[in-house]
Amino acid sequence: MQPVTNERYYLVIYFVIFMIFGSQFILNLFVGVIMDNFNKIKEKEELGSLFVTPEQRCWIDAHRFGLTKKL
């Protein structure tokens, strides 16, 4: 017996919906991981432990302090 063409159209609809939602789910996971890592790096930078030496942090704090004062 040969398969009948277009007999089970509901399986095609299921497959298309599964592919759309599955790809969106994977994309959301990928973006979520990137955003989580970005936020971790941003928090480390705000604490002053990433890419900045203590002398540079001191200079940045002094510069920020000077910018906040009015003449």
Protein backbone atom coordinates (compact mmCIF):
# COMPACT_ATOMS: atom_id res chain seq x y z
CA MET A 1 0.00 0.00 0.00
CA GLN A 2 1.25 3.44 -0.91
CA PRO A 3 0.75 6.43 1.38
CA VAL A 4 -2.11 8.75 0.47
CA THR A 5 -1.09 12.32 -0.37
CA ASN A 6 -2.38 15.07 1.98
CA GLU A 7 -4.34 12.65 4.14
CA ARG A 8 -3.17 13.97 7.52
CA TYR A 9 -3.06 17.75 7.17
CA TYR A 10 -3.30 18.23 10.94
CA LEU A 11 0.21 16.78 11.26
CA VAL A 12 1.51 19.46 8.90
CA ILE A 13 -0.15 22.16 10.99
CA TYR A 14 1.32 20.63 14.17
CA PHE A 15 4.79 20.48 12.60
CA VAL A 16 4.68 24.12 11.43
CA ILE A 17 3.47 25.36 14.83
CA PHE A 18 6.10 23.23 16.58
CA MET A 19 8.87 24.63 14.38
CA ILE A 20 7.78 28.26 14.91
CA PHE A 21 7.44 28.00 18.70
CA GLY A 22 10.52 25.79 19.01
CA SER A 23 12.71 28.26 17.13
CA GLN A 24 11.37 31.17 19.20
CA PHE A 25 12.08 29.26 22.40
CA ILE A 26 15.68 28.54 21.39
CA LEU A 27 16.15 32.16 20.28
CA ASN A 28 14.81 33.44 23.61
CA LEU A 29 17.18 31.15 25.51
CA PHE A 30 20.13 32.38 23.45
CA VAL A 31 19.24 36.04 24.02
CA GLY A 32 18.61 35.37 27.72
CA VAL A 33 22.08 33.88 28.20
CA ILE A 34 23.71 36.81 26.40
CA MET A 35 21.78 39.35 28.50
CA ASP A 36 22.63 37.49 31.73
CA ASN A 37 26.35 37.50 30.91
CA PHE A 38 26.18 41.18 29.93
CA ASN A 39 24.54 42.07 33.25
CA LYS A 40 27.18 40.12 35.20
CA ILE A 41 29.98 41.97 33.40
CA LYS A 42 28.21 45.29 33.95
CA GLU A 43 27.88 44.61 37.69
CA LYS A 44 31.57 43.72 37.95
CA GLU A 45 32.50 46.90 36.10
CA GLU A 46 30.34 49.04 38.39
CA LEU A 47 32.08 47.52 41.40
CA GLY A 48 35.40 48.50 39.91
CA SER A 49 37.00 45.09 39.64
CA LEU A 50 36.96 44.70 35.88
CA PHE A 51 39.53 46.32 33.53
CA VAL A 52 40.34 49.12 36.00
CA THR A 53 43.26 49.33 38.39
CA PRO A 54 42.76 50.86 41.86
CA GLU A 55 44.64 54.01 40.80
CA GLN A 56 42.39 54.40 37.77
CA ARG A 57 39.30 53.87 39.95
CA CYS A 58 40.52 56.60 42.28
CA TRP A 59 41.01 58.99 39.35
CA ILE A 60 37.53 58.17 37.98
CA ASP A 61 35.93 58.78 41.39
CA ALA A 62 37.76 62.11 41.74
CA HIS A 63 36.70 63.14 38.23
CA ARG A 64 33.06 62.24 38.96
CA PHE A 65 33.22 64.15 42.23
CA GLY A 66 34.59 67.21 40.42
CA LEU A 67 31.85 67.07 37.80
CA THR A 68 29.08 67.03 40.41
CA LYS A 69 30.24 70.24 42.13
CA LYS A 70 28.98 73.61 40.96
CA LEU A 71 31.34 76.53 40.52
